[in-house]
Amino acid sequence: MSAIAADPGAPGTDRLPVLSPMLQRLAAERATGALMRDRGTLYLADGQVVHAESPATPGIDVLLTTGGTLRHEGWWDAVAQAGAGQRVGRYLVDSGHVPGGALELCHLGALYDAAFFALAPTG
């Protein structure tokens, strides 16, 4: 799956507004962990955002099942089979339940939407 680069030294980033000085610092330190904010949580691995959650956005499970790509039972079967190892997406693709491209699109949609809300200014 893709990750959102938070590298402050990446080309062109000198012109971007700093949404979160803390996220910028964690990226520079190549931190791994969770950055909890008022409107969501960003999960980092080696300074890159690899997952995001926000109560204001649907998760990948909702995106896959609401659009008809996957039945609700198929999602819960995948969680039962592969959830403990956090390999639900891989299981869905390998078992033929979801095409890889559809999974990637839903994952990125969920990731960017949640990151947008998690990084939104509060107050």
PDB file of N, CA and C in Angstrom:
ATOM      1  N   MET A   1       0.827  -1.175   0.000  1.00  0.00           N
ATOM      2  CA  MET A   1       0.000   0.000   0.000  1.00  0.00           C
ATOM      3  C   MET A   1       0.876   1.245   0.000  1.00  0.00           C
ATOM      4  N   SER A   2       0.278   2.337  -0.349  1.00  0.00           N
ATOM      5  CA  SER A   2       1.014   3.589  -0.438  1.00  0.00           C
ATOM      6  C   SER A   2       1.092   4.275   0.916  1.00  0.00           C
ATOM      7  N   ALA A   3       2.006   5.197   0.982  1.00  0.00           N
ATOM      8  CA  ALA A   3       2.163   6.006   2.184  1.00  0.00           C
ATOM      9  C   ALA A   3       2.214   7.462   1.777  1.00  0.00           C
ATOM     10  N   ILE A   4       1.819   8.325   2.662  1.00  0.00           N
ATOM     11  CA  ILE A   4       1.912   9.760   2.422  1.00  0.00           C
ATOM     12  C   ILE A   4       3.262  10.218   2.933  1.00  0.00           C
ATOM     13  N   ALA A   5       4.080  10.730   2.044  1.00  0.00           N
ATOM     14  CA  ALA A   5       5.394  11.211   2.460  1.00  0.00           C
ATOM     15  C   ALA A   5       5.230  12.519   3.212  1.00  0.00           C
ATOM     16  N   ALA A   6       5.876  12.621   4.321  1.00  0.00           N
ATOM     17  CA  ALA A   6       5.844  13.849   5.113  1.00  0.00           C
ATOM     18  C   ALA A   6       7.248  14.417   5.217  1.00  0.00           C
ATOM     19  N   ASP A   7       8.068  14.181   4.206  1.00  0.00           N
ATOM     20  CA  ASP A   7       9.466  14.593   4.211  1.00  0.00           C
ATOM     21  C   ASP A   7       9.568  16.087   3.961  1.00  0.00           C
ATOM     22  N   PRO A   8      10.001  16.858   4.948  1.00  0.00           N
ATOM     23  CA  PRO A   8      10.094  18.300   4.759  1.00  0.00           C
ATOM     24  C   PRO A   8      11.154  18.697   3.744  1.00  0.00           C
ATOM     25  N   GLY A   9      12.061  17.805   3.395  1.00  0.00           N
ATOM     26  CA  GLY A   9      13.102  18.120   2.435  1.00  0.00           C
ATOM     27  C   GLY A   9      12.761  17.716   1.010  1.00  0.00           C
ATOM     28  N   ALA A  10      11.563  17.192   0.794  1.00  0.00           N
ATOM     29  CA  ALA A  10      11.170  16.760  -0.545  1.00  0.00           C
ATOM     30  C   ALA A  10      11.070  17.970  -1.467  1.00  0.00           C
ATOM     31  N   PRO A  11      11.377  17.793  -2.763  1.00  0.00           N
ATOM     32  CA  PRO A  11      11.323  18.910  -3.705  1.00  0.00           C
ATOM     33  C   PRO A  11       9.951  19.578  -3.710  1.00  0.00           C
ATOM     34  N   GLY A  12       9.939  20.881  -3.672  1.00  0.00           N
ATOM     35  CA  GLY A  12       8.708  21.651  -3.739  1.00  0.00           C
ATOM     36  C   GLY A  12       8.013  21.857  -2.409  1.00  0.00           C
ATOM     37  N   THR A  13       8.466  21.184  -1.354  1.00  0.00           N
ATOM     38  CA  THR A  13       7.777  21.316  -0.069  1.00  0.00           C
ATOM     39  C   THR A  13       8.108  22.617   0.643  1.00  0.00           C
ATOM     40  N   ASP A  14       9.105  23.349   0.168  1.00  0.00           N
ATOM     41  CA  ASP A  14       9.432  24.627   0.793  1.00  0.00           C
ATOM     42  C   ASP A  14       8.330  25.659   0.558  1.00  0.00           C
ATOM     43  N   ARG A  15       7.461  25.416  -0.418  1.00  0.00           N
ATOM     44  CA  ARG A  15       6.377  26.344  -0.734  1.00  0.00           C
ATOM     45  C   ARG A  15       5.056  25.926  -0.092  1.00  0.00           C
ATOM     46  N   LEU A  16       5.012  24.756   0.547  1.00  0.00           N
ATOM     47  CA  LEU A  16       3.775  24.272   1.137  1.00  0.00           C
ATOM     48  C   LEU A  16       3.608  24.808   2.552  1.00  0.00           C
ATOM     49  N   PRO A  17       2.362  25.138   2.934  1.00  0.00           N
ATOM     50  CA  PRO A  17       2.151  25.569   4.313  1.00  0.00           C
ATOM     51  C   PRO A  17       2.346  24.385   5.259  1.00  0.00           C
ATOM     52  N   VAL A  18       2.830  24.660   6.441  1.00  0.00           N
ATOM     53  CA  VAL A  18       3.039  23.609   7.430  1.00  0.00           C
ATOM     54  C   VAL A  18       1.720  23.386   8.160  1.00  0.00           C
ATOM     55  N   LEU A  19       1.099  22.237   7.922  1.00  0.00           N
ATOM     56  CA  LEU A  19      -0.167  21.922   8.569  1.00  0.00           C
ATOM     57  C   LEU A  19       0.037  21.458  10.000  1.00  0.00           C
ATOM     58  N   SER A  20       1.128  20.770  10.223  1.00  0.00           N
ATOM     59  CA  SER A  20       1.393  20.249  11.557  1.00  0.00           C
ATOM     60  C   SER A  20       2.893  20.236  11.801  1.00  0.00           C
ATOM     61  N   PRO A  21       3.388  21.194  12.573  1.00  0.00           N
ATOM     62  CA  PRO A  21       4.816  21.184  12.892  1.00  0.00           C
ATOM     63  C   PRO A  21       5.240  19.870  13.555  1.00  0.00           C
ATOM     64  N   MET A  22       4.355  19.286  14.359  1.00  0.00           N
ATOM     65  CA  MET A  22       4.680  18.018  15.015  1.00  0.00           C
ATOM     66  C   MET A  22       4.857  16.908  13.975  1.00  0.00           C
ATOM     67  N   LEU A  23       3.973  16.849  12.984  1.00  0.00           N
ATOM     68  CA  LEU A  23       4.107  15.836  11.935  1.00  0.00           C
ATOM     69  C   LEU A  23       5.397  16.055  11.155  1.00  0.00           C
ATOM     70  N   GLN A  24       5.725  17.307  10.889  1.00  0.00           N
ATOM     71  CA  GLN A  24       6.962  17.607  10.177  1.00  0.00           C
ATOM     72  C   GLN A  24       8.176  17.137  10.991  1.00  0.00           C
ATOM     73  N   ARG A  25       8.149  17.368  12.282  1.00  0.00           N
ATOM     74  CA  ARG A  25       9.248  16.916  13.139  1.00  0.00           C
ATOM     75  C   ARG A  25       9.339  15.393  13.178  1.00  0.00           C
ATOM     76  N   LEU A  26       8.208  14.722  13.306  1.00  0.00           N
ATOM     77  CA  LEU A  26       8.201  13.258  13.340  1.00  0.00           C
ATOM     78  C   LEU A  26       8.704  12.672  12.023  1.00  0.00           C
ATOM     79  N   ALA A  27       8.372  13.329  10.914  1.00  0.00           N
ATOM     80  CA  ALA A  27       8.866  12.872   9.610  1.00  0.00           C
ATOM     81  C   ALA A  27      10.378  13.020   9.536  1.00  0.00           C
ATOM     82  N   ALA A  28      10.883  14.153   9.999  1.00  0.00           N
ATOM     83  CA  ALA A  28      12.330  14.387   9.971  1.00  0.00           C
ATOM     84  C   ALA A  28      13.076  13.384  10.849  1.00  0.00           C
ATOM     85  N   GLU A  29      12.442  12.977  11.943  1.00  0.00           N
ATOM     86  CA  GLU A  29      13.050  12.005  12.855  1.00  0.00           C
ATOM     87  C   GLU A  29      12.806  10.558  12.422  1.00  0.00           C
ATOM     88  N   ARG A  30      12.073  10.379  11.329  1.00  0.00           N
ATOM     89  CA  ARG A  30      11.709   9.040  10.826  1.00  0.00           C
ATOM     90  C   ARG A  30      11.037   8.218  11.929  1.00  0.00           C
ATOM     91  N   ALA A  31      10.113   8.872  12.611  1.00  0.00           N
ATOM     92  CA  ALA A  31       9.429   8.258  13.752  1.00  0.00           C
ATOM     93  C   ALA A  31       8.428   7.200  13.313  1.00  0.00           C
ATOM     94  N   THR A  32       8.178   6.261  14.205  1.00  0.00           N
ATOM     95  CA  THR A  32       7.147   5.248  14.027  1.00  0.00           C
ATOM     96  C   THR A  32       6.231   5.319  15.238  1.00  0.00           C
ATOM     97  N   GLY A  33       4.921   5.363  14.984  1.00  0.00           N
ATOM     98  CA  GLY A  33       3.963   5.433  16.076  1.00  0.00           C
ATOM     99  C   GLY A  33       2.693   6.122  15.629  1.00  0.00           C
ATOM    100  N   ALA A  34       1.935   6.630  16.584  1.00  0.00           N
ATOM    101  CA  ALA A  34       0.656   7.277  16.303  1.00  0.00           C
ATOM    102  C   ALA A  34       0.699   8.732  16.751  1.00  0.00           C
ATOM    103  N   LEU A  35       0.201   9.606  15.893  1.00  0.00           N
ATOM    104  CA  LEU A  35       0.046  11.020  16.216  1.00  0.00           C
ATOM    105  C   LEU A  35      -1.449  11.267  16.378  1.00  0.00           C
ATOM    106  N   MET A  36      -1.876  11.419  17.618  1.00  0.00           N
ATOM    107  CA  MET A  36      -3.292  11.613  17.906  1.00  0.00           C
ATOM    108  C   MET A  36      -3.597  13.102  17.941  1.00  0.00           C
ATOM    109  N   ARG A  37      -4.643  13.467  17.193  1.00  0.00           N
ATOM    110  CA  ARG A  37      -5.083  14.857  17.143  1.00  0.00           C
ATOM    111  C   ARG A  37      -6.567  14.909  17.472  1.00  0.00           C
ATOM    112  N   ASP A  38      -7.115  16.119  17.567  1.00  0.00           N
ATOM    113  CA  ASP A  38      -8.522  16.269  17.953  1.00  0.00           C
ATOM    114  C   ASP A  38      -9.486  15.565  16.998  1.00  0.00           C
ATOM    115  N   ARG A  39      -9.185  15.568  15.706  1.00  0.00           N
ATOM    116  CA  ARG A  39     -10.138  15.059  14.720  1.00  0.00           C
ATOM    117  C   ARG A  39      -9.684  13.780  14.032  1.00  0.00           C
ATOM    118  N   GLY A  40      -8.675  13.115  14.579  1.00  0.00           N
ATOM    119  CA  GLY A  40      -8.241  11.852  13.994  1.00  0.00           C
ATOM    120  C   GLY A  40      -6.841  11.476  14.434  1.00  0.00           C
ATOM    121  N   THR A  41      -6.399  10.341  13.953  1.00  0.00           N
ATOM    122  CA  THR A  41      -5.087   9.810  14.307  1.00  0.00           C
ATOM    123  C   THR A  41      -4.327   9.435  13.046  1.00  0.00           C
ATOM    124  N   LEU A  42      -3.050   9.809  13.004  1.00  0.00           N
ATOM    125  CA  LEU A  42      -2.159   9.423  11.912  1.00  0.00           C
ATOM    126  C   LEU A  42      -1.190   8.384  12.446  1.00  0.00           C
ATOM    127  N   TYR A  43      -0.971   7.329  11.675  1.00  0.00           N
ATOM    128  CA  TYR A  43      -0.033   6.276  12.061  1.00  0.00           C
ATOM    129  C   TYR A  43       1.173   6.366  11.144  1.00  0.00           C
ATOM    130  N   LEU A  44       2.356   6.432  11.737  1.00  0.00           N
ATOM    131  CA  LEU A  44       3.586   6.611  10.973  1.00  0.00           C
ATOM    132  C   LEU A  44       4.501   5.401  11.084  1.00  0.00           C
ATOM    133  N   ALA A  45       5.228   5.154  10.007  1.00  0.00           N
ATOM    134  CA  ALA A  45       6.299   4.155   9.985  1.00  0.00           C
ATOM    135  C   ALA A  45       7.477   4.807   9.290  1.00  0.00           C
ATOM    136  N   ASP A  46       8.577   4.926   9.982  1.00  0.00           N
ATOM    137  CA  ASP A  46       9.780   5.569   9.445  1.00  0.00           C
ATOM    138  C   ASP A  46       9.488   6.964   8.900  1.00  0.00           C
ATOM    139  N   GLY A  47       8.631   7.700   9.581  1.00  0.00           N
ATOM    140  CA  GLY A  47       8.349   9.077   9.210  1.00  0.00           C
ATOM    141  C   GLY A  47       7.297   9.267   8.141  1.00  0.00           C
ATOM    142  N   GLN A  48       6.731   8.197   7.630  1.00  0.00           N
ATOM    143  CA  GLN A  48       5.697   8.306   6.602  1.00  0.00           C
ATOM    144  C   GLN A  48       4.347   7.903   7.179  1.00  0.00           C
ATOM    145  N   VAL A  49       3.310   8.636   6.783  1.00  0.00           N
ATOM    146  CA  VAL A  49       1.958   8.288   7.204  1.00  0.00           C
ATOM    147  C   VAL A  49       1.527   7.054   6.421  1.00  0.00           C
ATOM    148  N   VAL A  50       1.257   5.976   7.134  1.00  0.00           N
ATOM    149  CA  VAL A  50       0.861   4.724   6.483  1.00  0.00           C
ATOM    150  C   VAL A  50      -0.606   4.395   6.724  1.00  0.00           C
ATOM    151  N   HIS A  51      -1.220   5.071   7.679  1.00  0.00           N
ATOM    152  CA  HIS A  51      -2.634   4.843   7.960  1.00  0.00           C
ATOM    153  C   HIS A  51      -3.162   6.065   8.691  1.00  0.00           C
ATOM    154  N   ALA A  52      -4.434   6.341   8.503  1.00  0.00           N
ATOM    155  CA  ALA A  52      -5.076   7.451   9.199  1.00  0.00           C
ATOM    156  C   ALA A  52      -6.509   7.057   9.510  1.00  0.00           C
ATOM    157  N   GLU A  53      -7.006   7.534  10.628  1.00  0.00           N
ATOM    158  CA  GLU A  53      -8.383   7.284  11.026  1.00  0.00           C
ATOM    159  C   GLU A  53      -8.993   8.580  11.520  1.00  0.00           C
ATOM    160  N   SER A  54     -10.260   8.770  11.197  1.00  0.00           N
ATOM    161  CA  SER A  54     -10.996   9.917  11.699  1.00  0.00           C
ATOM    162  C   SER A  54     -12.458   9.516  11.831  1.00  0.00           C
ATOM    163  N   PRO A  55     -13.101   9.911  12.924  1.00  0.00           N
ATOM    164  CA  PRO A  55     -14.525   9.601  13.048  1.00  0.00           C
ATOM    165  C   PRO A  55     -15.369  10.332  12.007  1.00  0.00           C
ATOM    166  N   ALA A  56     -14.789  11.312  11.319  1.00  0.00           N
ATOM    167  CA  ALA A  56     -15.519  12.077  10.308  1.00  0.00           C
ATOM    168  C   ALA A  56     -15.525  11.402   8.937  1.00  0.00           C
ATOM    169  N   THR A  57     -14.801  10.296   8.785  1.00  0.00           N
ATOM    170  CA  THR A  57     -14.685   9.660   7.469  1.00  0.00           C
ATOM    171  C   THR A  57     -14.962   8.162   7.547  1.00  0.00           C
ATOM    172  N   PRO A  58     -15.415   7.582   6.423  1.00  0.00           N
ATOM    173  CA  PRO A  58     -15.623   6.127   6.405  1.00  0.00           C
ATOM    174  C   PRO A  58     -14.292   5.395   6.298  1.00  0.00           C
ATOM    175  N   GLY A  59     -14.242   4.211   6.870  1.00  0.00           N
ATOM    176  CA  GLY A  59     -13.054   3.378   6.754  1.00  0.00           C
ATOM    177  C   GLY A  59     -13.073   2.583   5.463  1.00  0.00           C
ATOM    178  N   ILE A  60     -12.001   1.865   5.210  1.00  0.00           N
ATOM    179  CA  ILE A  60     -11.898   1.072   3.986  1.00  0.00           C
ATOM    180  C   ILE A  60     -12.982   0.001   3.935  1.00  0.00           C
ATOM    181  N   ASP A  61     -13.392  -0.531   5.087  1.00  0.00           N
ATOM    182  CA  ASP A  61     -14.460  -1.532   5.110  1.00  0.00           C
ATOM    183  C   ASP A  61     -15.758  -0.959   4.551  1.00  0.00           C
ATOM    184  N   VAL A  62     -16.092   0.260   4.938  1.00  0.00           N
ATOM    185  CA  VAL A  62     -17.308   0.909   4.452  1.00  0.00           C
ATOM    186  C   VAL A  62     -17.194   1.207   2.960  1.00  0.00           C
ATOM    187  N   LEU A  63     -16.044   1.696   2.521  1.00  0.00           N
ATOM    188  CA  LEU A  63     -15.865   2.009   1.105  1.00  0.00           C
ATOM    189  C   LEU A  63     -15.979   0.761   0.232  1.00  0.00           C
ATOM    190  N   LEU A  64     -15.404  -0.339   0.671  1.00  0.00           N
ATOM    191  CA  LEU A  64     -15.459  -1.578  -0.114  1.00  0.00           C
ATOM    192  C   LEU A  64     -16.857  -2.181  -0.144  1.00  0.00           C
ATOM    193  N   THR A  65     -17.567  -2.137   0.974  1.00  0.00           N
ATOM    194  CA  THR A  65     -18.870  -2.804   1.031  1.00  0.00           C
ATOM    195  C   THR A  65     -20.009  -1.927   0.526  1.00  0.00           C
ATOM    196  N   THR A  66     -19.960  -0.636   0.761  1.00  0.00           N
ATOM    197  CA  THR A  66     -21.030   0.248   0.313  1.00  0.00           C
ATOM    198  C   THR A  66     -21.066   0.357  -1.203  1.00  0.00           C
ATOM    199  N   GLY A  67     -19.915   0.373  -1.824  1.00  0.00           N
ATOM    200  CA  GLY A  67     -19.853   0.487  -3.279  1.00  0.00           C
ATOM    201  C   GLY A  67     -20.160  -0.807  -4.011  1.00  0.00           C
ATOM    202  N   GLY A  68     -20.353  -1.887  -3.281  1.00  0.00           N
ATOM    203  CA  GLY A  68     -20.684  -3.154  -3.917  1.00  0.00           C
ATOM    204  C   GLY A  68     -19.485  -3.968  -4.350  1.00  0.00           C
ATOM    205  N   THR A  69     -18.288  -3.485  -4.073  1.00  0.00           N
ATOM    206  CA  THR A  69     -17.088  -4.234  -4.432  1.00  0.00           C
ATOM    207  C   THR A  69     -17.004  -5.523  -3.635  1.00  0.00           C
ATOM    208  N   LEU A  70     -17.500  -5.497  -2.414  1.00  0.00           N
ATOM    209  CA  LEU A  70     -17.397  -6.633  -1.506  1.00  0.00           C
ATOM    210  C   LEU A  70     -18.656  -6.695  -0.646  1.00  0.00           C
ATOM    211  N   ARG A  71     -19.144  -7.894  -0.405  1.00  0.00           N
ATOM    212  CA  ARG A  71     -20.292  -8.063   0.490  1.00  0.00           C
ATOM    213  C   ARG A  71     -19.823  -7.924   1.938  1.00  0.00           C
ATOM    214  N   HIS A  72     -20.741  -7.495   2.804  1.00  0.00           N
ATOM    215  CA  HIS A  72     -20.397  -7.335   4.226  1.00  0.00           C
ATOM    216  C   HIS A  72     -19.838  -8.628   4.804  1.00  0.00           C
ATOM    217  N   GLU A  73     -20.430  -9.762   4.424  1.00  0.00           N
ATOM    218  CA  GLU A  73     -19.964 -11.054   4.930  1.00  0.00           C
ATOM    219  C   GLU A  73     -18.530 -11.325   4.484  1.00  0.00           C
ATOM    220  N   GLY A  74     -18.193 -10.900   3.269  1.00  0.00           N
ATOM    221  CA  GLY A  74     -16.834 -11.080   2.753  1.00  0.00           C
ATOM    222  C   GLY A  74     -15.814 -10.303   3.564  1.00  0.00           C
ATOM    223  N   TRP A  75     -16.183  -9.099   3.985  1.00  0.00           N
ATOM    224  CA  TRP A  75     -15.283  -8.301   4.816  1.00  0.00           C
ATOM    225  C   TRP A  75     -15.031  -9.002   6.145  1.00  0.00           C
ATOM    226  N   TRP A  76     -16.114  -9.426   6.806  1.00  0.00           N
ATOM    227  CA  TRP A  76     -15.963 -10.042   8.127  1.00  0.00           C
ATOM    228  C   TRP A  76     -15.267 -11.393   8.048  1.00  0.00           C
ATOM    229  N   ASP A  77     -15.439 -12.110   6.941  1.00  0.00           N
ATOM    230  CA  ASP A  77     -14.692 -13.354   6.739  1.00  0.00           C
ATOM    231  C   ASP A  77     -13.195 -13.053   6.650  1.00  0.00           C
ATOM    232  N   ALA A  78     -12.846 -12.006   5.910  1.00  0.00           N
ATOM    233  CA  ALA A  78     -11.432 -11.630   5.774  1.00  0.00           C
ATOM    234  C   ALA A  78     -10.845 -11.209   7.121  1.00  0.00           C
ATOM    235  N   VAL A  79     -11.622 -10.485   7.915  1.00  0.00           N
ATOM    236  CA  VAL A  79     -11.153 -10.082   9.242  1.00  0.00           C
ATOM    237  C   VAL A  79     -10.919 -11.317  10.108  1.00  0.00           C
ATOM    238  N   ALA A  80     -11.837 -12.283  10.034  1.00  0.00           N
ATOM    239  CA  ALA A  80     -11.682 -13.511  10.824  1.00  0.00           C
ATOM    240  C   ALA A  80     -10.472 -14.319  10.367  1.00  0.00           C
ATOM    241  N   GLN A  81     -10.220 -14.351   9.062  1.00  0.00           N
ATOM    242  CA  GLN A  81      -9.126 -15.149   8.515  1.00  0.00           C
ATOM    243  C   GLN A  81      -7.762 -14.475   8.666  1.00  0.00           C
ATOM    244  N   ALA A  82      -7.716 -13.166   8.494  1.00  0.00           N
ATOM    245  CA  ALA A  82      -6.414 -12.494   8.395  1.00  0.00           C
ATOM    246  C   ALA A  82      -6.261 -11.280   9.303  1.00  0.00           C
ATOM    247  N   GLY A  83      -7.271 -10.958  10.075  1.00  0.00           N
ATOM    248  CA  GLY A  83      -7.230  -9.753  10.901  1.00  0.00           C
ATOM    249  C   GLY A  83      -6.179  -9.765  11.987  1.00  0.00           C
ATOM    250  N   ALA A  84      -5.933 -10.932  12.571  1.00  0.00           N
ATOM    251  CA  ALA A  84      -4.952 -11.001  13.657  1.00  0.00           C
ATOM    252  C   ALA A  84      -3.558 -10.605  13.178  1.00  0.00           C
ATOM    253  N   GLY A  85      -3.239 -10.931  11.938  1.00  0.00           N
ATOM    254  CA  GLY A  85      -1.942 -10.573  11.366  1.00  0.00           C
ATOM    255  C   GLY A  85      -1.974  -9.263  10.614  1.00  0.00           C
ATOM    256  N   GLN A  86      -3.099  -8.553  10.694  1.00  0.00           N
ATOM    257  CA  GLN A  86      -3.289  -7.279   9.994  1.00  0.00           C
ATOM    258  C   GLN A  86      -2.997  -7.413   8.505  1.00  0.00           C
ATOM    259  N   ARG A  87      -3.495  -8.493   7.910  1.00  0.00           N
ATOM    260  CA  ARG A  87      -3.275  -8.766   6.490  1.00  0.00           C
ATOM    261  C   ARG A  87      -4.604  -8.904   5.752  1.00  0.00           C
ATOM    262  N   VAL A  88      -5.625  -8.173   6.178  1.00  0.00           N
ATOM    263  CA  VAL A  88      -6.954  -8.286   5.591  1.00  0.00           C
ATOM    264  C   VAL A  88      -6.930  -7.932   4.110  1.00  0.00           C
ATOM    265  N   GLY A  89      -6.285  -6.833   3.760  1.00  0.00           N
ATOM    266  CA  GLY A  89      -6.202  -6.430   2.354  1.00  0.00           C
ATOM    267  C   GLY A  89      -5.532  -7.480   1.497  1.00  0.00           C
ATOM    268  N   ARG A  90      -4.414  -8.001   1.954  1.00  0.00           N
ATOM    269  CA  ARG A  90      -3.691  -9.039   1.210  1.00  0.00           C
ATOM    270  C   ARG A  90      -4.569 -10.270   1.032  1.00  0.00           C
ATOM    271  N   TYR A  91      -5.291 -10.648   2.093  1.00  0.00           N
ATOM    272  CA  TYR A  91      -6.183 -11.804   2.024  1.00  0.00           C
ATOM    273  C   TYR A  91      -7.277 -11.571   0.982  1.00  0.00           C
ATOM    274  N   LEU A  92      -7.881 -10.383   0.977  1.00  0.00           N
ATOM    275  CA  LEU A  92      -8.950 -10.084   0.021  1.00  0.00           C
ATOM    276  C   LEU A  92      -8.466 -10.188  -1.421  1.00  0.00           C
ATOM    277  N   VAL A  93      -7.275  -9.701  -1.687  1.00  0.00           N
ATOM    278  CA  VAL A  93      -6.726  -9.758  -3.047  1.00  0.00           C
ATOM    279  C   VAL A  93      -6.327 -11.186  -3.404  1.00  0.00           C
ATOM    280  N   ASP A  94      -5.577 -11.844  -2.523  1.00  0.00           N
ATOM    281  CA  ASP A  94      -5.098 -13.202  -2.810  1.00  0.00           C
ATOM    282  C   ASP A  94      -6.235 -14.203  -2.970  1.00  0.00           C
ATOM    283  N   SER A  95      -7.336 -13.995  -2.248  1.00  0.00           N
ATOM    284  CA  SER A  95      -8.467 -14.923  -2.335  1.00  0.00           C
ATOM    285  C   SER A  95      -9.406 -14.586  -3.488  1.00  0.00           C
ATOM    286  N   GLY A  96      -9.127 -13.493  -4.202  1.00  0.00           N
ATOM    287  CA  GLY A  96      -9.937 -13.119  -5.354  1.00  0.00           C
ATOM    288  C   GLY A  96     -11.215 -12.371  -5.012  1.00  0.00           C
ATOM    289  N   HIS A  97     -11.381 -11.960  -3.776  1.00  0.00           N
ATOM    290  CA  HIS A  97     -12.588 -11.230  -3.385  1.00  0.00           C
ATOM    291  C   HIS A  97     -12.590  -9.787  -3.888  1.00  0.00           C
ATOM    292  N   VAL A  98     -11.407  -9.194  -3.989  1.00  0.00           N
ATOM    293  CA  VAL A  98     -11.287  -7.787  -4.394  1.00  0.00           C
ATOM    294  C   VAL A  98     -10.087  -7.647  -5.324  1.00  0.00           C
ATOM    295  N   PRO A  99     -10.263  -6.986  -6.480  1.00  0.00           N
ATOM    296  CA  PRO A  99      -9.096  -6.716  -7.336  1.00  0.00           C
ATOM    297  C   PRO A  99      -8.119  -5.776  -6.625  1.00  0.00           C
ATOM    298  N   GLY A 100      -6.840  -5.961  -6.879  1.00  0.00           N
ATOM    299  CA  GLY A 100      -5.816  -5.146  -6.238  1.00  0.00           C
ATOM    300  C   GLY A 100      -6.015  -3.659  -6.454  1.00  0.00           C
ATOM    301  N   GLY A 101      -6.395  -3.273  -7.660  1.00  0.00           N
ATOM    302  CA  GLY A 101      -6.602  -1.860  -7.958  1.00  0.00           C
ATOM    303  C   GLY A 101      -7.748  -1.255  -7.164  1.00  0.00           C
ATOM    304  N   ALA A 102      -8.824  -2.011  -7.000  1.00  0.00           N
ATOM    305  CA  ALA A 102      -9.969  -1.524  -6.223  1.00  0.00           C
ATOM    306  C   ALA A 102      -9.580  -1.344  -4.760  1.00  0.00           C
ATOM    307  N   LEU A 103      -8.810  -2.290  -4.245  1.00  0.00           N
ATOM    308  CA  LEU A 103      -8.354  -2.176  -2.861  1.00  0.00           C
ATOM    309  C   LEU A 103      -7.471  -0.941  -2.688  1.00  0.00           C
ATOM    310  N   GLU A 104      -6.558  -0.735  -3.626  1.00  0.00           N
ATOM    311  CA  GLU A 104      -5.650   0.420  -3.557  1.00  0.00           C
ATOM    312  C   GLU A 104      -6.430   1.734  -3.597  1.00  0.00           C
ATOM    313  N   LEU A 105      -7.414   1.837  -4.490  1.00  0.00           N
ATOM    314  CA  LEU A 105      -8.211   3.065  -4.579  1.00  0.00           C
ATOM    315  C   LEU A 105      -8.989   3.330  -3.293  1.00  0.00           C
ATOM    316  N   CYS A 106      -9.612   2.292  -2.755  1.00  0.00           N
ATOM    317  CA  CYS A 106     -10.360   2.468  -1.506  1.00  0.00           C
ATOM    318  C   CYS A 106      -9.430   2.807  -0.350  1.00  0.00           C
ATOM    319  N   HIS A 107      -8.273   2.164  -0.315  1.00  0.00           N
ATOM    320  CA  HIS A 107      -7.309   2.443   0.757  1.00  0.00           C
ATOM    321  C   HIS A 107      -6.835   3.894   0.693  1.00  0.00           C
ATOM    322  N   LEU A 108      -6.467   4.340  -0.502  1.00  0.00           N
ATOM    323  CA  LEU A 108      -5.987   5.720  -0.634  1.00  0.00           C
ATOM    324  C   LEU A 108      -7.084   6.728  -0.330  1.00  0.00           C
ATOM    325  N   GLY A 109      -8.306   6.438  -0.776  1.00  0.00           N
ATOM    326  CA  GLY A 109      -9.421   7.332  -0.469  1.00  0.00           C
ATOM    327  C   GLY A 109      -9.627   7.467   1.027  1.00  0.00           C
ATOM    328  N   ALA A 110      -9.626   6.336   1.719  1.00  0.00           N
ATOM    329  CA  ALA A 110      -9.805   6.353   3.172  1.00  0.00           C
ATOM    330  C   ALA A 110      -8.636   7.062   3.855  1.00  0.00           C
ATOM    331  N   LEU A 111      -7.430   6.790   3.389  1.00  0.00           N
ATOM    332  CA  LEU A 111      -6.230   7.387   3.980  1.00  0.00           C
ATOM    333  C   LEU A 111      -6.222   8.904   3.824  1.00  0.00           C
ATOM    334  N   TYR A 112      -6.434   9.386   2.606  1.00  0.00           N
ATOM    335  CA  TYR A 112      -6.380  10.830   2.367  1.00  0.00           C
ATOM    336  C   TYR A 112      -7.535  11.564   3.044  1.00  0.00           C
ATOM    337  N   ASP A 113      -8.741  10.979   3.021  1.00  0.00           N
ATOM    338  CA  ASP A 113      -9.869  11.631   3.686  1.00  0.00           C
ATOM    339  C   ASP A 113      -9.619  11.762   5.183  1.00  0.00           C
ATOM    340  N   ALA A 114      -9.183  10.678   5.805  1.00  0.00           N
ATOM    341  CA  ALA A 114      -8.939  10.711   7.250  1.00  0.00           C
ATOM    342  C   ALA A 114      -7.782  11.654   7.590  1.00  0.00           C
ATOM    343  N   ALA A 115      -6.726  11.647   6.777  1.00  0.00           N
ATOM    344  CA  ALA A 115      -5.594  12.544   7.023  1.00  0.00           C
ATOM    345  C   ALA A 115      -6.026  14.006   6.898  1.00  0.00           C
ATOM    346  N   PHE A 116      -6.893  14.295   5.927  1.00  0.00           N
ATOM    347  CA  PHE A 116      -7.397  15.658   5.751  1.00  0.00           C
ATOM    348  C   PHE A 116      -8.071  16.149   7.028  1.00  0.00           C
ATOM    349  N   PHE A 117      -8.947  15.331   7.586  1.00  0.00           N
ATOM    350  CA  PHE A 117      -9.644  15.742   8.804  1.00  0.00           C
ATOM    351  C   PHE A 117      -8.723  15.746  10.017  1.00  0.00           C
ATOM    352  N   ALA A 118      -7.847  14.765  10.105  1.00  0.00           N
ATOM    353  CA  ALA A 118      -6.934  14.701  11.250  1.00  0.00           C
ATOM    354  C   ALA A 118      -6.008  15.914  11.290  1.00  0.00           C
ATOM    355  N   LEU A 119      -5.615  16.404  10.128  1.00  0.00           N
ATOM    356  CA  LEU A 119      -4.691  17.539  10.062  1.00  0.00           C
ATOM    357  C   LEU A 119      -5.388  18.895  10.020  1.00  0.00           C
ATOM    358  N   ALA A 120      -6.714  18.897   9.959  1.00  0.00           N
ATOM    359  CA  ALA A 120      -7.449  20.161   9.888  1.00  0.00           C
ATOM    360  C   ALA A 120      -7.216  20.979  11.158  1.00  0.00           C
ATOM    361  N   PRO A 121      -7.120  22.288  10.995  1.00  0.00           N
ATOM    362  CA  PRO A 121      -6.957  23.144  12.175  1.00  0.00           C
ATOM    363  C   PRO A 121      -8.155  23.000  13.113  1.00  0.00           C
ATOM    364  N   THR A 122      -7.910  23.094  14.379  1.00  0.00           N
ATOM    365  CA  THR A 122      -8.995  23.012  15.357  1.00  0.00           C
ATOM    366  C   THR A 122      -9.272  24.392  15.918  1.00  0.00           C
ATOM    367  N   GLY A 123     -10.452  24.535  16.458  1.00  0.00           N
ATOM    368  CA  GLY A 123     -10.753  25.790  17.126  1.00  0.00           C
ATOM    369  C   GLY A 123     -11.719  26.631  16.482  1.00  0.00           C
TER     370      GLY A 123
END
